[in-house]
Protein backbone atom coordinates (compact mmCIF):
# COMPACT_ATOMS: atom_id res chain seq x y z
CA MET A 1 -16.27 -20.11 13.60
CA GLU A 2 -17.20 -18.67 9.97
CA TRP A 3 -17.38 -15.37 8.19
CA SER A 4 -17.41 -13.99 4.80
CA ASP A 5 -15.76 -10.87 3.41
CA GLN A 6 -14.26 -9.05 0.48
CA GLY A 7 -10.49 -9.70 0.14
CA LEU A 8 -7.43 -8.58 -1.79
CA VAL A 9 -4.89 -11.35 -2.36
CA LEU A 10 -1.53 -10.34 -0.83
CA SER A 11 0.42 -13.68 -1.28
CA VAL A 12 -0.21 -17.26 -2.33
CA ASN A 13 2.35 -20.16 -1.14
CA GLN A 14 1.87 -23.70 -2.33
CA HIS A 15 1.16 -26.20 0.57
CA GLY A 16 1.52 -29.82 -0.21
CA GLU A 17 0.67 -30.99 -3.80
CA SER A 18 -2.47 -29.03 -4.62
CA SER A 19 -3.40 -26.64 -1.78
CA ALA A 20 -2.20 -23.04 -1.06
CA ILE A 21 -1.89 -20.79 1.96
CA VAL A 22 -3.28 -17.55 0.93
CA GLN A 23 -2.76 -14.24 2.71
CA LEU A 24 -5.72 -11.83 2.10
CA LEU A 25 -6.33 -8.33 3.29
CA THR A 26 -10.08 -8.47 3.98
CA ARG A 27 -12.13 -5.31 4.48
CA THR A 28 -13.66 -6.04 7.88
CA HIS A 29 -11.36 -8.82 9.33
CA GLY A 30 -7.99 -7.33 8.39
CA ARG A 31 -4.92 -9.46 7.14
CA HIS A 32 -5.87 -12.92 7.49
CA ALA A 33 -4.41 -16.25 6.23
CA GLY A 34 -6.21 -19.38 5.35
CA LEU A 35 -5.63 -22.73 3.46
CA VAL A 36 -7.36 -23.04 0.02
CA ARG A 37 -7.73 -26.70 -0.98
CA GLY A 38 -7.03 -27.00 -4.61
CA GLY A 39 -5.39 -23.50 -4.59
CA ALA A 40 -2.44 -24.62 -6.53
CA SER A 41 -4.49 -26.12 -9.38
CA ARG A 42 -4.87 -24.59 -12.69
CA ALA A 43 -8.53 -23.71 -12.09
CA GLN A 44 -7.69 -21.69 -9.21
CA ARG A 45 -4.43 -20.10 -10.56
CA GLY A 46 -6.18 -17.07 -12.32
CA THR A 47 -8.20 -16.25 -9.23
CA LEU A 48 -5.18 -16.56 -6.71
CA GLN A 49 -2.89 -13.91 -8.06
CA ALA A 50 -1.44 -11.11 -5.90
CA GLY A 51 -3.56 -8.06 -6.28
CA ASN A 52 -6.86 -9.76 -7.25
CA LYS A 53 -10.06 -8.97 -5.43
CA VAL A 54 -12.12 -11.89 -4.27
CA ARG A 55 -15.13 -12.95 -2.29
CA ALA A 56 -13.95 -15.21 0.58
CA THR A 57 -15.44 -17.34 3.17
CA TRP A 58 -13.20 -18.47 6.19
CA ARG A 59 -13.90 -21.32 8.48
CA GLY A 60 -11.87 -22.52 11.49
CA ARG A 61 -12.46 -23.88 14.96
CA LEU A 62 -10.81 -20.84 16.66
CA ALA A 63 -10.06 -17.38 15.65
CA GLU A 64 -6.24 -17.90 15.96
CA HIS A 65 -6.16 -21.05 13.88
CA LEU A 66 -5.28 -21.08 10.17
CA GLY A 67 -8.59 -22.22 9.03
CA SER A 68 -9.60 -22.63 5.43
CA TYR A 69 -10.90 -20.36 2.73
CA THR A 70 -13.22 -20.78 -0.09
CA VAL A 71 -12.84 -17.90 -2.64
CA GLU A 72 -14.62 -16.70 -5.86
CA SER A 73 -13.15 -14.21 -8.14
CA ASP A 74 -14.51 -10.84 -8.03
CA ILE A 75 -12.09 -8.39 -10.00
CA ALA A 76 -8.88 -9.77 -11.59
CA TYR A 77 -6.80 -6.64 -11.32
CA ALA A 78 -3.50 -8.59 -12.02
CA ALA A 79 -4.56 -9.88 -15.54
CA GLY A 80 -4.88 -6.45 -16.91
CA LEU A 81 -1.21 -5.55 -15.88
CA LEU A 82 0.70 -8.29 -17.69
CA ASP A 83 2.05 -5.85 -20.41
CA SER A 84 2.98 -3.14 -17.80
CA PRO A 85 6.00 -4.00 -15.85
CA ILE A 86 5.95 -0.71 -13.79
CA ALA A 87 2.35 -1.41 -12.75
CA LEU A 88 3.20 -4.96 -11.71
CA GLU A 89 6.04 -3.56 -9.50
CA ALA A 90 3.54 -1.11 -8.04
CA LEU A 91 1.16 -4.00 -7.37
CA ASN A 92 3.85 -6.04 -5.82
CA THR A 93 4.92 -3.06 -3.71
CA VAL A 94 1.61 -2.32 -1.99
CA CYS A 95 0.96 -6.03 -1.39
CA ALA A 96 4.39 -6.55 0.19
CA LEU A 97 4.04 -3.30 2.42
CA THR A 98 0.61 -4.68 3.45
CA LEU A 99 1.79 -8.05 4.17
CA THR A 100 4.95 -6.95 6.03
CA LEU A 101 3.53 -4.07 8.14
CA LEU A 102 -0.16 -4.76 8.87
CA PRO A 103 -0.77 -6.79 11.92
CA GLU A 104 -2.69 -9.91 11.54
CA HIS A 105 -6.66 -9.79 12.24
CA GLU A 106 -6.69 -6.02 12.77
CA PRO A 107 -9.36 -4.40 10.66
CA HIS A 108 -8.20 -1.32 8.67
CA GLU A 109 -11.09 -0.59 6.38
CA ALA A 110 -9.39 2.66 5.24
CA ILE A 111 -6.38 0.59 4.06
CA PHE A 112 -8.44 -1.84 2.23
CA ASP A 113 -10.53 0.88 0.47
CA GLY A 114 -7.44 2.82 -0.47
CA LEU A 115 -5.62 -0.22 -1.79
CA ASP A 116 -8.58 -1.18 -3.80
CA LEU A 117 -8.58 2.24 -5.26
CA VAL A 118 -5.00 2.02 -6.29
CA LEU A 119 -5.32 -1.51 -7.78
CA ASP A 120 -8.31 -0.35 -9.75
CA ALA A 121 -6.26 2.55 -11.18
CA LEU A 122 -3.03 0.82 -12.15
CA GLN A 123 -3.96 0.64 -15.79
CA GLN A 124 -4.18 4.51 -15.77
CA GLU A 125 -0.51 5.56 -15.91
CA ASP A 126 -1.22 9.30 -15.39
CA VAL A 127 -3.26 8.59 -12.18
CA TRP A 128 -1.90 5.63 -10.19
CA PRO A 129 1.54 7.08 -9.07
CA ALA A 130 -0.08 9.97 -7.08
CA LEU A 131 -2.82 7.61 -5.75
CA MET A 132 -0.02 5.31 -4.50
CA VAL A 133 1.83 8.09 -2.73
CA ARG A 134 -1.39 9.21 -1.04
CA TRP A 135 -1.99 5.46 -0.12
CA GLU A 136 1.47 5.24 1.51
CA VAL A 137 0.87 8.32 3.43
CA GLY A 138 -2.61 7.19 4.60
CA PHE A 139 -1.02 3.76 5.42
CA LEU A 140 1.43 5.51 7.73
CA GLN A 141 -1.55 7.36 9.41
CA GLU A 142 -3.29 3.98 10.01
CA LEU A 143 -0.29 2.40 11.36
CA GLY A 144 0.11 5.29 13.94
CA PHE A 145 2.99 7.16 12.31
CA GLY A 146 0.88 9.92 10.61
CA LEU A 147 2.39 13.09 9.08
CA ASP A 148 1.02 16.46 10.00
CA LEU A 149 0.64 18.18 6.63
CA GLU A 150 -2.11 20.50 7.66
CA THR A 151 -0.18 23.39 9.32
CA CYS A 152 3.30 24.83 9.63
CA ALA A 153 5.19 23.46 12.51
CA VAL A 154 6.90 26.88 13.04
CA THR A 155 4.24 29.51 12.14
CA GLY A 156 0.95 27.64 12.22
CA GLN A 157 -0.10 28.89 8.84
CA ARG A 158 -2.06 26.63 6.52
CA HIS A 159 -0.88 27.85 3.18
CA ASP A 160 2.46 27.70 1.14
CA LEU A 161 3.63 24.50 2.91
CA THR A 162 6.63 23.18 0.92
CA HIS A 163 8.73 21.04 3.10
CA VAL A 164 8.48 18.33 5.85
CA SER A 165 10.78 17.97 8.78
CA PRO A 166 12.25 14.40 8.71
CA ARG A 167 12.48 14.54 12.50
CA THR A 168 8.99 15.47 13.46
CA GLY A 169 7.01 14.56 10.28
CA ARG A 170 5.39 18.02 10.41
CA ALA A 171 4.94 20.45 7.38
CA VAL A 172 7.04 23.59 7.12
CA SER A 173 6.17 26.76 5.30
CA ARG A 174 8.24 28.15 2.45
CA ALA A 175 9.44 31.14 4.51
CA ALA A 176 10.23 29.12 7.64
CA ALA A 177 12.03 26.31 5.57
CA ALA A 178 14.28 28.72 3.60
CA PRO A 179 17.32 28.58 6.12
CA TYR A 180 17.11 24.83 6.63
CA LYS A 181 15.70 23.43 3.36
CA GLU A 182 18.81 21.27 2.50
CA ARG A 183 17.93 19.29 5.72
CA LEU A 184 14.20 19.02 4.93
CA LEU A 185 12.04 16.89 2.71
CA ARG A 186 10.11 18.65 -0.04
CA LEU A 187 6.41 18.51 0.28
CA PRO A 188 4.78 18.24 -3.23
CA ALA A 189 1.47 20.36 -3.63
CA PHE A 190 -0.62 17.14 -4.66
CA LEU A 191 -0.43 15.95 -1.08
CA THR A 192 -2.20 19.04 0.10
CA ASN A 193 -4.71 19.49 -2.62
CA ASN A 194 -6.94 17.25 -4.70
CA GLU A 195 -4.66 16.99 -7.91
CA THR A 196 -3.91 13.48 -9.14
CA THR A 197 -3.31 14.03 -12.88
CA SER A 198 -0.76 15.99 -15.13
CA LEU A 199 1.66 16.30 -12.32
CA GLU A 200 5.38 17.08 -12.79
CA PRO A 201 7.82 14.13 -12.44
CA ASP A 202 9.71 15.82 -9.77
CA ASP A 203 6.54 16.27 -7.67
CA LEU A 204 5.78 12.53 -7.89
CA LEU A 205 9.44 11.55 -7.09
CA ASP A 206 9.51 14.04 -3.99
CA GLY A 207 6.16 12.29 -2.94
CA PHE A 208 7.66 8.91 -3.14
CA ARG A 209 10.75 10.04 -1.42
CA LEU A 210 8.72 11.57 1.45
CA SER A 211 6.52 8.50 2.08
CA GLY A 212 9.51 6.12 1.60
CA TYR A 213 11.46 7.95 4.14
CA PHE A 214 8.96 7.59 6.84
CA LEU A 215 8.03 4.09 5.99
CA GLU A 216 11.61 3.21 6.34
CA SER A 217 12.39 5.34 9.36
CA ARG A 218 9.28 4.80 11.28
CA ALA A 219 7.10 1.82 10.24
CA LEU A 220 10.11 -0.44 9.46
CA ALA A 221 12.38 0.94 12.09
CA HIS A 222 12.11 -2.07 14.44
CA GLN A 223 11.83 -4.76 11.90
CA THR A 224 14.53 -6.82 10.05
CA GLN A 225 12.90 -6.05 6.63
CA ALA A 226 13.56 -3.01 4.50
CA LEU A 227 11.30 -1.38 1.89
CA PRO A 228 10.32 -4.00 -0.81
CA PRO A 229 12.88 -4.29 -3.70
CA SER A 230 9.94 -4.09 -6.09
CA ARG A 231 9.48 -0.40 -4.87
CA THR A 232 13.00 0.42 -5.90
CA ARG A 233 12.55 -1.40 -9.30
CA MET A 234 9.25 0.66 -9.65
CA LEU A 235 10.84 3.89 -9.04
CA GLU A 236 13.80 3.15 -11.32
CA ARG A 237 11.27 2.36 -14.21
CA LEU A 238 9.08 5.37 -13.40
CA PHE A 239 11.75 8.08 -13.26
CA ARG A 240 14.57 6.78 -15.34
């Protein structure tokens, strides 16, 4: 079997003296591992960095086999982030979430395209945090744990939505939320409109709290792993 695809590097683990087992999120073949011969060499090191975009060809006898990759560099996202610890933590977080939660060989083009967009924006400090929150919310949707942020769970109205029920994942309007808001999660306005820049820190923090709560309580509920430590470090740096 053989196929070629775009891929985003999620992880690289040395195998033997000179090879590496590489996990890619490919656009049309999902999360897929493969052996890269010479992947631990200096020549390949720059290409095989978590977060980089590559052009990959996979070959194997059967689809369930590890198989082997040949990869060519496309966009070296990681190289542009060496002077930004916060952006590197964000990169590590989205790669870890994808590696932990996305089933192997299951195509999710929306996750790939969204992750590509986030990685491309990581050098724009006023843009990537909001994009990352939106990607996490979309990630939940793709995994089958989508939030309903379109209408109020109580009144059915589509405007002035300010909170989300932690039990149902549905939006609640300002008036309906008033008696219970201490028990609800805040819904920042940028998740219901198209704003991505010039956002207040509190809105961004509320967005990360919202997506993080449902990633932990739903997507990770039946796994032994928690949210990536890199996500905690990222939030500490971002909001200290």
